[in-house]
């Protein structure tokens, strides 16, 4: 059955394959377009520089009108990442827009989610 959410996810997957943003990758799990595995490389000049972090994205039939549930599978110590791997990020909550695709979600997690907390800035502010 091809629903609007599944069609959109296929389009997102094609775009991600054809023009992948630097430092991220993602693909649906075998035979389940609604569940994705992704990898994000730690942003340069952060404590996570050089790290490789695995995530899962669970989409509902309401996508793209509702955001996916995103969790880090890799253990992550970061103020925006909860112990269960869930992420505190505005675009996954109250700032969601259907214009975001999978590449935008992963890039936002890389840049705004884990890249926004620079150790030096936090030490200067203390």
N, C-alpha and C. Protein backbone atom coordinates (compact mmCIF):
# COMPACT_ATOMS: atom_id res chain seq x y z
N UNK A 1 0.85 -1.18 0.00
CA UNK A 1 0.00 0.00 0.00
C UNK A 1 0.89 1.23 0.00
N UNK A 2 0.62 2.13 -0.90
CA UNK A 2 1.41 3.34 -1.02
C UNK A 2 0.60 4.52 -0.49
N UNK A 3 0.99 5.01 0.66
CA UNK A 3 0.32 6.14 1.29
C UNK A 3 1.12 7.41 1.02
N UNK A 4 0.54 8.58 1.29
CA UNK A 4 1.31 9.82 1.11
C UNK A 4 2.60 9.84 1.93
N UNK A 5 2.56 9.33 3.15
CA UNK A 5 3.78 9.31 3.98
C UNK A 5 4.85 8.43 3.35
N UNK A 6 4.46 7.27 2.86
CA UNK A 6 5.42 6.35 2.25
C UNK A 6 5.99 6.92 0.95
N UNK A 7 5.16 7.58 0.16
CA UNK A 7 5.65 8.22 -1.07
C UNK A 7 6.65 9.30 -0.74
N UNK A 8 6.35 10.10 0.27
CA UNK A 8 7.25 11.17 0.68
C UNK A 8 8.59 10.58 1.17
N UNK A 9 8.54 9.52 1.95
CA UNK A 9 9.77 8.90 2.45
C UNK A 9 10.60 8.31 1.32
N UNK A 10 9.96 7.78 0.31
CA UNK A 10 10.71 7.28 -0.86
C UNK A 10 11.40 8.45 -1.57
N UNK A 11 10.70 9.55 -1.70
CA UNK A 11 11.29 10.74 -2.31
C UNK A 11 12.46 11.26 -1.46
N UNK A 12 12.27 11.30 -0.14
CA UNK A 12 13.35 11.72 0.77
C UNK A 12 14.56 10.81 0.62
N UNK A 13 14.33 9.51 0.50
CA UNK A 13 15.42 8.55 0.37
C UNK A 13 16.18 8.77 -0.93
N UNK A 14 15.45 8.98 -2.02
CA UNK A 14 16.09 9.24 -3.31
C UNK A 14 16.97 10.49 -3.24
N UNK A 15 16.44 11.55 -2.65
CA UNK A 15 17.20 12.80 -2.52
C UNK A 15 18.45 12.61 -1.67
N UNK A 16 18.31 11.85 -0.61
CA UNK A 16 19.45 11.60 0.28
C UNK A 16 20.53 10.79 -0.42
N UNK A 17 20.12 9.88 -1.29
CA UNK A 17 21.10 9.09 -2.05
C UNK A 17 21.77 9.92 -3.13
N UNK A 18 21.00 10.77 -3.80
CA UNK A 18 21.53 11.54 -4.92
C UNK A 18 22.39 12.72 -4.48
N UNK A 19 22.05 13.34 -3.36
CA UNK A 19 22.77 14.53 -2.91
C UNK A 19 22.91 14.51 -1.39
N UNK A 20 23.73 13.60 -0.86
CA UNK A 20 23.83 13.48 0.60
C UNK A 20 24.61 14.64 1.22
N UNK A 21 24.05 15.24 2.27
CA UNK A 21 24.79 16.29 2.98
C UNK A 21 26.04 15.70 3.65
N UNK A 22 27.04 16.51 3.83
CA UNK A 22 28.29 16.05 4.45
C UNK A 22 28.04 15.62 5.89
N UNK A 23 28.60 14.47 6.24
CA UNK A 23 28.59 14.03 7.62
C UNK A 23 27.35 13.31 8.09
N UNK A 24 26.43 13.00 7.18
CA UNK A 24 25.24 12.25 7.57
C UNK A 24 24.93 11.17 6.53
N UNK A 25 24.27 10.13 6.96
CA UNK A 25 23.73 9.13 6.03
C UNK A 25 22.52 8.50 6.70
N UNK A 26 21.64 7.97 5.88
CA UNK A 26 20.44 7.34 6.41
C UNK A 26 19.77 6.52 5.34
N UNK A 27 19.06 5.48 5.79
CA UNK A 27 18.34 4.60 4.87
C UNK A 27 17.27 3.84 5.65
N UNK A 28 16.19 3.49 4.96
CA UNK A 28 15.17 2.68 5.63
C UNK A 28 15.69 1.28 5.95
N UNK A 29 15.14 0.69 7.00
CA UNK A 29 15.47 -0.69 7.30
C UNK A 29 14.85 -1.58 6.23
N UNK A 30 15.37 -2.78 6.09
CA UNK A 30 14.85 -3.71 5.08
C UNK A 30 13.33 -3.86 5.21
N UNK A 31 12.65 -3.67 4.12
CA UNK A 31 11.20 -3.88 4.01
C UNK A 31 10.36 -3.02 4.94
N UNK A 32 10.91 -1.91 5.42
CA UNK A 32 10.12 -1.03 6.28
C UNK A 32 10.53 0.42 6.05
N UNK A 33 9.87 1.09 5.15
CA UNK A 33 10.19 2.47 4.81
C UNK A 33 9.90 3.41 5.98
N UNK A 34 9.11 2.96 6.95
CA UNK A 34 8.73 3.80 8.09
C UNK A 34 9.76 3.81 9.22
N UNK A 35 10.76 2.93 9.15
CA UNK A 35 11.79 2.85 10.18
C UNK A 35 13.16 2.97 9.52
N UNK A 36 13.92 3.98 9.90
CA UNK A 36 15.21 4.27 9.28
C UNK A 36 16.34 4.13 10.28
N UNK A 37 17.50 3.77 9.77
CA UNK A 37 18.75 3.83 10.51
C UNK A 37 19.55 4.97 9.91
N UNK A 38 20.24 5.71 10.77
CA UNK A 38 21.03 6.84 10.30
C UNK A 38 22.34 6.91 11.07
N UNK A 39 23.30 7.59 10.45
CA UNK A 39 24.60 7.83 11.08
C UNK A 39 24.92 9.32 10.93
N UNK A 40 25.39 9.90 12.02
CA UNK A 40 25.84 11.29 12.01
C UNK A 40 27.28 11.30 12.50
N UNK A 41 28.12 12.02 11.79
CA UNK A 41 29.51 12.20 12.23
C UNK A 41 29.56 13.45 13.10
N UNK A 42 30.34 13.37 14.17
CA UNK A 42 30.46 14.50 15.09
C UNK A 42 30.94 15.75 14.38
N UNK A 43 30.32 16.89 14.68
CA UNK A 43 30.71 18.15 14.03
C UNK A 43 32.15 18.54 14.39
N UNK A 44 32.83 19.16 13.43
CA UNK A 44 34.20 19.65 13.65
C UNK A 44 34.22 20.65 14.80
N UNK A 45 35.34 20.69 15.47
CA UNK A 45 35.60 21.67 16.53
C UNK A 45 34.62 21.59 17.69
N UNK A 46 34.11 20.39 17.96
CA UNK A 46 33.26 20.15 19.13
C UNK A 46 33.85 18.95 19.86
N UNK A 47 33.42 18.71 21.07
CA UNK A 47 33.90 17.51 21.78
C UNK A 47 33.54 16.21 21.06
N UNK A 48 32.60 16.26 20.11
CA UNK A 48 32.16 15.07 19.39
C UNK A 48 32.84 14.91 18.04
N UNK A 49 33.77 15.80 17.74
CA UNK A 49 34.55 15.76 16.49
C UNK A 49 35.21 14.38 16.37
N UNK A 50 35.03 13.74 15.23
CA UNK A 50 35.61 12.42 14.99
C UNK A 50 34.72 11.28 15.43
N UNK A 51 33.64 11.57 16.12
CA UNK A 51 32.73 10.52 16.58
C UNK A 51 31.76 10.10 15.50
N UNK A 52 31.27 8.88 15.61
CA UNK A 52 30.25 8.35 14.70
C UNK A 52 29.07 7.92 15.56
N UNK A 53 27.92 8.45 15.28
CA UNK A 53 26.76 8.24 16.14
C UNK A 53 25.59 7.66 15.34
N UNK A 54 25.02 6.58 15.85
CA UNK A 54 23.91 5.91 15.18
C UNK A 54 22.59 6.37 15.78
N UNK A 55 21.59 6.49 14.90
CA UNK A 55 20.26 6.92 15.30
C UNK A 55 19.21 6.05 14.62
N UNK A 56 18.00 6.09 15.16
CA UNK A 56 16.84 5.52 14.48
C UNK A 56 15.81 6.63 14.31
N UNK A 57 15.08 6.55 13.22
CA UNK A 57 13.97 7.47 12.95
C UNK A 57 12.74 6.62 12.70
N UNK A 58 11.70 6.83 13.50
CA UNK A 58 10.44 6.11 13.34
C UNK A 58 9.40 7.10 12.84
N UNK A 59 8.90 6.84 11.64
CA UNK A 59 7.90 7.72 11.02
C UNK A 59 6.51 7.14 11.20
N UNK A 60 5.53 8.02 11.28
CA UNK A 60 4.14 7.58 11.32
C UNK A 60 3.49 7.90 9.98
N UNK A 61 2.28 7.44 9.81
CA UNK A 61 1.54 7.73 8.58
C UNK A 61 1.17 9.22 8.49
N UNK A 62 1.40 9.97 9.57
CA UNK A 62 1.13 11.40 9.57
C UNK A 62 2.29 12.23 9.00
N UNK A 63 3.44 11.58 8.72
CA UNK A 63 4.58 12.28 8.13
C UNK A 63 4.20 12.73 6.72
N UNK A 64 4.50 13.90 6.29
CA UNK A 64 5.37 14.92 6.88
C UNK A 64 4.65 15.93 7.76
N UNK A 65 3.38 15.71 8.06
CA UNK A 65 2.67 16.68 8.89
C UNK A 65 3.08 16.60 10.35
N UNK A 66 3.63 15.47 10.75
CA UNK A 66 4.15 15.30 12.11
C UNK A 66 5.57 14.77 12.02
N UNK A 67 6.44 15.18 12.96
CA UNK A 67 7.84 14.75 12.90
C UNK A 67 8.00 13.29 13.28
N UNK A 68 9.11 12.69 12.88
CA UNK A 68 9.40 11.33 13.30
C UNK A 68 9.87 11.33 14.76
N UNK A 69 9.88 10.15 15.34
CA UNK A 69 10.51 9.95 16.64
C UNK A 69 11.95 9.57 16.36
N UNK A 70 12.87 10.38 16.87
CA UNK A 70 14.30 10.16 16.59
C UNK A 70 15.00 9.86 17.90
N UNK A 71 15.84 8.82 17.88
CA UNK A 71 16.60 8.44 19.07
C UNK A 71 18.02 8.08 18.68
N UNK A 72 18.95 8.48 19.53
CA UNK A 72 20.32 8.01 19.38
C UNK A 72 20.38 6.58 19.87
N UNK A 73 20.97 5.71 19.08
CA UNK A 73 21.23 4.33 19.49
C UNK A 73 22.59 4.31 20.20
N UNK A 74 23.53 5.07 19.67
CA UNK A 74 24.84 5.22 20.31
C UNK A 74 24.66 5.97 21.62
N UNK A 75 25.40 5.56 22.64
CA UNK A 75 25.37 6.32 23.89
C UNK A 75 25.95 7.70 23.64
N UNK A 76 25.29 8.69 24.19
CA UNK A 76 25.67 10.07 23.92
C UNK A 76 25.54 10.88 25.19
N UNK A 77 26.61 11.55 25.58
CA UNK A 77 26.56 12.47 26.71
C UNK A 77 26.51 13.88 26.14
N UNK A 78 25.34 14.47 26.25
CA UNK A 78 25.11 15.81 25.67
C UNK A 78 23.88 16.40 26.36
N UNK A 79 23.88 17.69 26.64
CA UNK A 79 22.72 18.29 27.32
C UNK A 79 21.41 18.19 26.54
N UNK A 80 21.47 18.04 25.22
CA UNK A 80 20.25 17.95 24.41
C UNK A 80 19.80 16.51 24.16
N UNK A 81 20.53 15.54 24.70
CA UNK A 81 20.21 14.13 24.48
C UNK A 81 19.86 13.50 25.83
N UNK A 82 18.68 12.91 25.92
CA UNK A 82 18.25 12.25 27.15
C UNK A 82 18.86 10.86 27.26
N UNK A 83 18.78 10.30 28.46
CA UNK A 83 19.38 8.99 28.72
C UNK A 83 18.82 7.89 27.81
N UNK A 84 17.55 8.02 27.40
CA UNK A 84 16.95 7.01 26.52
C UNK A 84 17.28 7.24 25.04
N UNK A 85 18.09 8.27 24.75
CA UNK A 85 18.49 8.56 23.38
C UNK A 85 17.62 9.57 22.66
N UNK A 86 16.50 9.95 23.27
CA UNK A 86 15.64 10.93 22.62
C UNK A 86 16.32 12.30 22.64
N UNK A 87 15.88 13.16 21.73
CA UNK A 87 16.57 14.41 21.46
C UNK A 87 15.67 15.60 21.75
N UNK A 88 16.22 16.57 22.45
CA UNK A 88 15.53 17.83 22.68
C UNK A 88 15.96 18.79 21.58
N UNK A 89 15.12 18.93 20.58
CA UNK A 89 15.43 19.78 19.45
C UNK A 89 14.14 20.40 18.93
N UNK A 90 14.13 21.71 18.78
CA UNK A 90 12.91 22.44 18.43
C UNK A 90 12.20 21.90 17.20
N UNK A 91 12.93 21.54 16.15
CA UNK A 91 12.25 21.11 14.93
C UNK A 91 11.60 19.73 15.08
N UNK A 92 11.95 19.00 16.10
CA UNK A 92 11.30 17.70 16.35
C UNK A 92 10.12 17.86 17.31
N UNK A 93 9.89 19.08 17.76
CA UNK A 93 8.80 19.33 18.68
C UNK A 93 7.94 20.47 18.19
N UNK A 94 8.06 21.64 18.83
CA UNK A 94 7.13 22.73 18.54
C UNK A 94 7.46 23.55 17.30
N UNK A 95 8.63 23.36 16.68
CA UNK A 95 8.98 24.11 15.48
C UNK A 95 8.96 23.24 14.21
N UNK A 96 8.28 22.10 14.28
CA UNK A 96 8.21 21.19 13.13
C UNK A 96 7.48 21.84 11.97
N UNK A 97 7.93 21.55 10.76
CA UNK A 97 7.26 21.99 9.55
C UNK A 97 7.32 20.85 8.53
N UNK A 98 6.25 20.64 7.77
CA UNK A 98 6.27 19.58 6.75
C UNK A 98 7.33 19.79 5.66
N UNK A 99 7.92 20.98 5.61
CA UNK A 99 8.96 21.22 4.60
C UNK A 99 10.24 20.45 4.93
N UNK A 100 10.45 20.07 6.19
CA UNK A 100 11.65 19.33 6.56
C UNK A 100 11.61 17.93 5.98
N UNK A 101 12.72 17.53 5.35
CA UNK A 101 12.84 16.16 4.89
C UNK A 101 13.87 15.45 5.77
N UNK A 102 14.17 14.19 5.46
CA UNK A 102 15.08 13.41 6.29
C UNK A 102 16.47 14.06 6.34
N UNK A 103 16.95 14.54 5.22
CA UNK A 103 18.26 15.20 5.19
C UNK A 103 18.27 16.43 6.11
N UNK A 104 17.21 17.22 6.08
CA UNK A 104 17.13 18.41 6.94
C UNK A 104 17.07 18.02 8.42
N UNK A 105 16.34 16.95 8.72
CA UNK A 105 16.25 16.47 10.11
C UNK A 105 17.64 16.08 10.61
N UNK A 106 18.33 15.25 9.84
CA UNK A 106 19.64 14.76 10.27
C UNK A 106 20.67 15.89 10.33
N UNK A 107 20.63 16.80 9.38
CA UNK A 107 21.54 17.93 9.39
C UNK A 107 21.27 18.82 10.61
N UNK A 108 20.02 19.03 10.94
CA UNK A 108 19.68 19.84 12.11
C UNK A 108 20.16 19.18 13.39
N UNK A 109 20.03 17.88 13.47
CA UNK A 109 20.52 17.17 14.65
C UNK A 109 22.04 17.32 14.75
N UNK A 110 22.71 17.21 13.62
CA UNK A 110 24.17 17.33 13.62
C UNK A 110 24.61 18.74 14.00
N UNK A 111 23.98 19.75 13.44
CA UNK A 111 24.41 21.13 13.62
C UNK A 111 23.80 21.75 14.88
N UNK A 112 22.49 21.68 15.02
CA UNK A 112 21.81 22.33 16.14
C UNK A 112 21.72 21.43 17.36
N UNK A 113 21.61 20.13 17.14
CA UNK A 113 21.44 19.21 18.25
C UNK A 113 22.71 18.94 19.01
N UNK A 114 23.73 18.43 18.31
CA UNK A 114 24.98 18.13 19.01
C UNK A 114 26.06 19.15 18.72
N UNK A 115 25.94 19.89 17.64
CA UNK A 115 26.96 20.86 17.31
C UNK A 115 26.82 22.19 18.04
N UNK A 116 25.65 22.44 18.60
CA UNK A 116 25.42 23.74 19.20
C UNK A 116 26.01 23.87 20.59
N UNK A 117 26.38 22.79 21.20
CA UNK A 117 26.93 22.84 22.55
C UNK A 117 28.45 22.78 22.47
N UNK A 118 29.06 23.91 22.44
CA UNK A 118 30.52 23.98 22.38
C UNK A 118 31.04 24.13 23.80
N UNK A 119 31.90 23.22 24.18
CA UNK A 119 32.43 23.17 25.54
C UNK A 119 33.05 24.51 25.95
N UNK A 120 33.81 25.12 25.04
CA UNK A 120 34.47 26.37 25.36
C UNK A 120 33.46 27.45 25.70
N UNK A 121 32.36 27.53 24.96
CA UNK A 121 31.34 28.54 25.21
C UNK A 121 30.71 28.33 26.57
N UNK A 122 30.46 27.08 26.92
CA UNK A 122 29.83 26.78 28.21
C UNK A 122 30.76 27.14 29.36
N UNK A 123 32.07 26.92 29.17
CA UNK A 123 33.03 27.24 30.22
C UNK A 123 33.17 28.75 30.40
N UNK A 124 33.12 29.48 29.31
CA UNK A 124 33.23 30.94 29.38
C UNK A 124 32.00 31.53 30.08
N UNK A 125 30.83 30.95 29.82
CA UNK A 125 29.60 31.47 30.42
C UNK A 125 29.50 31.16 31.91
N UNK A 126 30.18 30.14 32.39
CA UNK A 126 30.08 29.74 33.80
C UNK A 126 30.73 30.72 34.73
